[in-house]
Amino acid sequence: MSLKESIKSNPRLKKIIHWMLIPTNEARPRLWVKLFVNPFIHKKGKGAKVRRRVRMDVLPFNHFSLGNNSTIEDFCTINNGVGDVQIGNNTLIGMGNTIIGPITIGNDVIFAQNIVASALNHAYSDVTKPIHSQPILTSPIIVEDECWIAANVVITAGVTIGKHSVVGAGSVVTKSVPPYSVVVGNPAKVIKQYNFEKAEWIRV
């Protein structure tokens, strides 16, 4: 059994380790984790930039990677507490985004401003308990290569956005998007798809 599995299987030990890494009732790692642990575990590619005002709630027990020549702009929050966050090469994460793993963002992707992409949900089935006391549920988000996600979009858990797709501003994406599609609205619906035979975008 690996060290990680041993910790997970021992609730008391898991609680102690968690407290050592994160203050009680917080998502942000302790300063010693940010300074002396994360830089040696998480991967940051050549030319990658994380701006000074980014809130990096990343912990060592899940993966975080930022590809070559990719940038995370100011006022973003990146959280890998419940799942890996992996961002490819030549990708821009614009100002004010919130990204909660597990999420994989491909190469050459543009995230505009104020986007929420959260693969986390809270169970609420037991009405005798407050929601914060019930289990956390996760379902991975995948944003494939060359996508453009416009401002103020919400991407919900379990969604895949196919290659070279566009999500219009203010859309709420609750279902997976086929490759080479344009989607808009709440809930987001496909309005255009690229036709390779005609070499043009066709309205659906």
Protein backbone atom coordinates (compact mmCIF):
# COMPACT_ATOMS: atom_id res chain seq x y z
CA MET A 1 0.00 0.00 0.00
CA SER A 2 1.38 3.41 -0.99
CA LEU A 3 1.79 6.27 1.50
CA LYS A 4 -1.14 8.13 -0.11
CA GLU A 5 -3.41 5.07 0.21
CA SER A 6 -2.30 4.53 3.82
CA ILE A 7 -3.24 8.10 4.73
CA LYS A 8 -6.61 7.85 2.94
CA SER A 9 -7.50 4.61 4.72
CA ASN A 10 -6.78 6.05 8.19
CA PRO A 11 -9.35 8.79 9.03
CA ARG A 12 -7.42 10.05 12.08
CA LEU A 13 -4.12 10.31 10.21
CA LYS A 14 -5.88 11.88 7.21
CA LYS A 15 -7.38 14.57 9.48
CA ILE A 16 -3.99 15.39 11.01
CA ILE A 17 -2.23 15.59 7.62
CA HIS A 18 -5.05 17.74 6.24
CA TRP A 19 -4.73 20.14 9.19
CA MET A 20 -0.96 20.36 8.63
CA LEU A 21 -1.52 21.32 4.99
CA ILE A 22 -4.62 23.54 5.26
CA PRO A 23 -5.98 25.64 8.16
CA THR A 24 -9.34 24.45 9.52
CA ASN A 25 -12.35 25.50 7.40
CA GLU A 26 -10.14 26.99 4.68
CA ALA A 27 -9.19 26.01 1.11
CA ARG A 28 -5.90 27.91 0.93
CA PRO A 29 -2.73 25.91 1.75
CA ARG A 30 -0.44 26.95 4.60
CA LEU A 31 2.46 29.22 3.67
CA TRP A 32 5.08 26.49 4.20
CA VAL A 33 3.27 24.28 1.68
CA LYS A 34 3.23 27.09 -0.92
CA LEU A 35 6.91 27.93 -0.42
CA PHE A 36 8.61 24.62 0.27
CA VAL A 37 6.41 21.82 -1.12
CA ASN A 38 4.37 22.91 -4.14
CA PRO A 39 7.29 24.27 -6.23
CA PHE A 40 8.90 20.82 -6.17
CA ILE A 41 5.73 18.84 -6.94
CA HIS A 42 3.71 20.89 -9.41
CA LYS A 43 4.86 21.45 -12.99
CA LYS A 44 5.22 24.82 -14.66
CA GLY A 45 6.40 24.83 -18.28
CA LYS A 46 8.93 27.03 -20.02
CA GLY A 47 7.62 30.57 -20.41
CA ALA A 48 4.55 29.87 -18.25
CA LYS A 49 3.33 32.75 -16.08
CA VAL A 50 1.14 32.91 -12.99
CA ARG A 51 0.41 36.58 -12.24
CA ARG A 52 1.04 37.92 -8.74
CA ARG A 53 -2.65 38.39 -7.80
CA VAL A 54 -3.70 34.82 -8.58
CA ARG A 55 -5.05 32.82 -5.65
CA MET A 56 -3.37 29.42 -5.95
CA ASP A 57 -5.29 27.02 -3.70
CA VAL A 58 -3.18 24.09 -4.89
CA LEU A 59 -2.13 21.25 -2.63
CA PRO A 60 0.51 18.55 -2.99
CA PHE A 61 -1.83 15.54 -2.88
CA ASN A 62 -3.37 16.36 -6.30
CA HIS A 63 -1.67 17.41 -9.53
CA PHE A 64 -1.34 20.91 -10.89
CA SER A 65 0.44 21.65 -14.17
CA LEU A 66 0.70 24.70 -16.41
CA GLY A 67 2.09 24.15 -19.92
CA ASN A 68 4.71 26.01 -21.91
CA ASN A 69 3.93 29.67 -22.69
CA SER A 70 0.61 29.56 -20.84
CA THR A 71 -0.60 32.36 -18.57
CA ILE A 72 -2.96 32.63 -15.62
CA GLU A 73 -3.99 36.28 -15.28
CA ASP A 74 -4.67 38.30 -12.12
CA PHE A 75 -7.65 37.69 -9.81
CA CYS A 76 -8.09 34.03 -10.79
CA THR A 77 -8.61 31.24 -8.26
CA ILE A 78 -7.14 27.83 -9.06
CA ASN A 79 -8.16 24.97 -6.75
CA ASN A 80 -7.00 21.34 -6.97
CA GLY A 81 -8.24 20.35 -3.51
CA VAL A 82 -10.69 17.73 -4.83
CA GLY A 83 -9.08 16.94 -8.19
CA ASP A 84 -6.19 17.58 -10.56
CA VAL A 85 -5.93 20.83 -12.53
CA GLN A 86 -3.99 20.40 -15.78
CA ILE A 87 -3.56 23.26 -18.26
CA GLY A 88 -1.84 22.73 -21.62
CA ASN A 89 0.56 24.78 -23.75
CA ASN A 90 -0.10 28.25 -25.20
CA THR A 91 -3.28 28.63 -23.17
CA LEU A 92 -4.60 31.86 -21.65
CA ILE A 93 -6.65 31.86 -18.46
CA GLY A 94 -8.02 35.41 -18.41
CA MET A 95 -8.71 37.69 -15.45
CA GLY A 96 -11.09 36.68 -12.69
CA ASN A 97 -11.62 33.02 -13.56
CA THR A 98 -12.41 30.33 -10.99
CA ILE A 99 -11.17 26.84 -11.88
CA ILE A 100 -11.89 23.92 -9.56
CA GLY A 101 -10.63 20.44 -10.47
CA PRO A 102 -10.69 17.79 -11.60
CA ILE A 103 -10.29 19.68 -14.88
CA THR A 104 -8.12 19.29 -17.97
CA ILE A 105 -7.70 22.29 -20.26
CA GLY A 106 -5.95 21.60 -23.56
CA ASN A 107 -3.46 23.47 -25.74
CA ASP A 108 -4.13 26.83 -27.44
CA VAL A 109 -7.26 27.49 -25.38
CA ILE A 110 -8.59 30.97 -24.56
CA PHE A 111 -10.54 31.53 -21.35
CA ALA A 112 -11.84 35.12 -21.32
CA GLN A 113 -12.89 36.89 -18.08
CA ASN A 114 -15.01 35.85 -15.07
CA ILE A 115 -15.50 32.22 -16.08
CA VAL A 116 -16.42 29.57 -13.51
CA ALA A 117 -15.40 26.01 -14.38
CA SER A 118 -16.14 23.81 -11.38
CA ALA A 119 -16.05 20.01 -11.39
CA LEU A 120 -17.29 20.00 -7.78
CA ASN A 121 -20.83 19.55 -6.48
CA HIS A 122 -22.31 19.12 -3.01
CA ALA A 123 -24.68 16.29 -2.15
CA TYR A 124 -27.93 17.52 -0.61
CA SER A 125 -30.11 14.40 -0.43
CA ASP A 126 -30.08 14.11 3.39
CA VAL A 127 -32.35 16.88 4.68
CA THR A 128 -31.38 16.14 8.30
CA LYS A 129 -27.86 17.50 7.68
CA PRO A 130 -26.64 20.86 6.44
CA ILE A 131 -25.33 20.66 2.88
CA HIS A 132 -21.76 21.50 3.93
CA SER A 133 -21.76 18.34 6.10
CA GLN A 134 -22.73 16.06 3.19
CA PRO A 135 -20.35 14.43 0.70
CA ILE A 136 -18.52 16.34 -2.01
CA LEU A 137 -19.14 14.96 -5.49
CA THR A 138 -16.82 15.45 -8.46
CA SER A 139 -17.10 14.77 -12.17
CA PRO A 140 -14.20 15.81 -14.46
CA ILE A 141 -14.39 18.72 -16.88
CA ILE A 142 -12.42 18.52 -20.14
CA VAL A 143 -11.83 21.49 -22.44
CA GLU A 144 -10.13 20.20 -25.57
CA ASP A 145 -7.54 22.01 -27.71
CA GLU A 146 -8.18 25.32 -29.47
CA CYS A 147 -11.42 26.27 -27.70
CA TRP A 148 -12.50 29.82 -26.95
CA ILE A 149 -14.61 30.30 -23.82
CA ALA A 150 -16.06 33.81 -23.78
CA ALA A 151 -16.66 36.02 -20.74
CA ASN A 152 -18.98 35.11 -17.85
CA VAL A 153 -19.46 31.47 -18.88
CA VAL A 154 -20.26 28.73 -16.33
CA ILE A 155 -19.05 25.19 -17.09
CA THR A 156 -20.61 22.55 -14.86
CA ALA A 157 -19.23 19.24 -13.62
CA GLY A 158 -18.92 16.35 -16.06
CA VAL A 159 -18.88 18.48 -19.24
CA THR A 160 -16.50 17.95 -22.18
CA ILE A 161 -16.09 20.82 -24.65
CA GLY A 162 -14.87 19.43 -27.94
CA LYS A 163 -11.91 20.66 -29.97
CA HIS A 164 -12.02 24.13 -31.59
CA SER A 165 -15.41 24.99 -30.12
CA VAL A 166 -16.68 28.42 -29.07
CA VAL A 167 -18.86 29.07 -26.03
CA GLY A 168 -20.69 32.40 -26.26
CA ALA A 169 -20.56 35.00 -23.49
CA GLY A 170 -22.79 34.36 -20.48
CA SER A 171 -23.59 30.76 -21.43
CA VAL A 172 -24.16 28.00 -18.88
CA VAL A 173 -22.74 24.73 -20.22
CA THR A 174 -24.53 21.78 -18.62
CA LYS A 175 -24.00 19.18 -21.38
CA SER A 176 -21.00 18.17 -23.44
CA VAL A 177 -20.28 20.12 -26.62
CA PRO A 178 -19.29 18.35 -29.87
CA PRO A 179 -16.00 19.37 -31.53
CA TYR A 180 -16.10 22.33 -33.93
CA SER A 181 -19.31 23.77 -32.50
CA VAL A 182 -20.59 27.17 -31.38
CA VAL A 183 -22.87 27.08 -28.34
CA VAL A 184 -24.80 29.87 -26.60
CA GLY A 185 -27.48 30.32 -23.95
CA ASN A 186 -28.65 28.96 -20.62
CA PRO A 187 -28.54 26.02 -20.91
CA ALA A 188 -26.06 26.28 -23.79
CA LYS A 189 -27.22 24.87 -27.13
CA VAL A 190 -25.38 24.31 -30.41
CA ILE A 191 -26.16 27.05 -32.96
CA LYS A 192 -23.35 26.39 -35.48
CA GLN A 193 -21.06 23.54 -36.52
CA TYR A 194 -18.14 23.54 -38.91
CA ASN A 195 -18.72 21.65 -42.16
CA PHE A 196 -15.40 20.39 -43.49
CA GLU A 197 -16.81 19.55 -46.93
CA LYS A 198 -18.08 23.11 -47.46
CA ALA A 199 -15.23 24.63 -45.43
CA GLU A 200 -17.59 26.92 -43.52
CA TRP A 201 -19.58 27.27 -40.31
CA ILE A 202 -23.18 26.14 -40.83
CA ARG A 203 -26.06 27.31 -38.66
CA VAL A 204 -27.88 24.38 -37.04
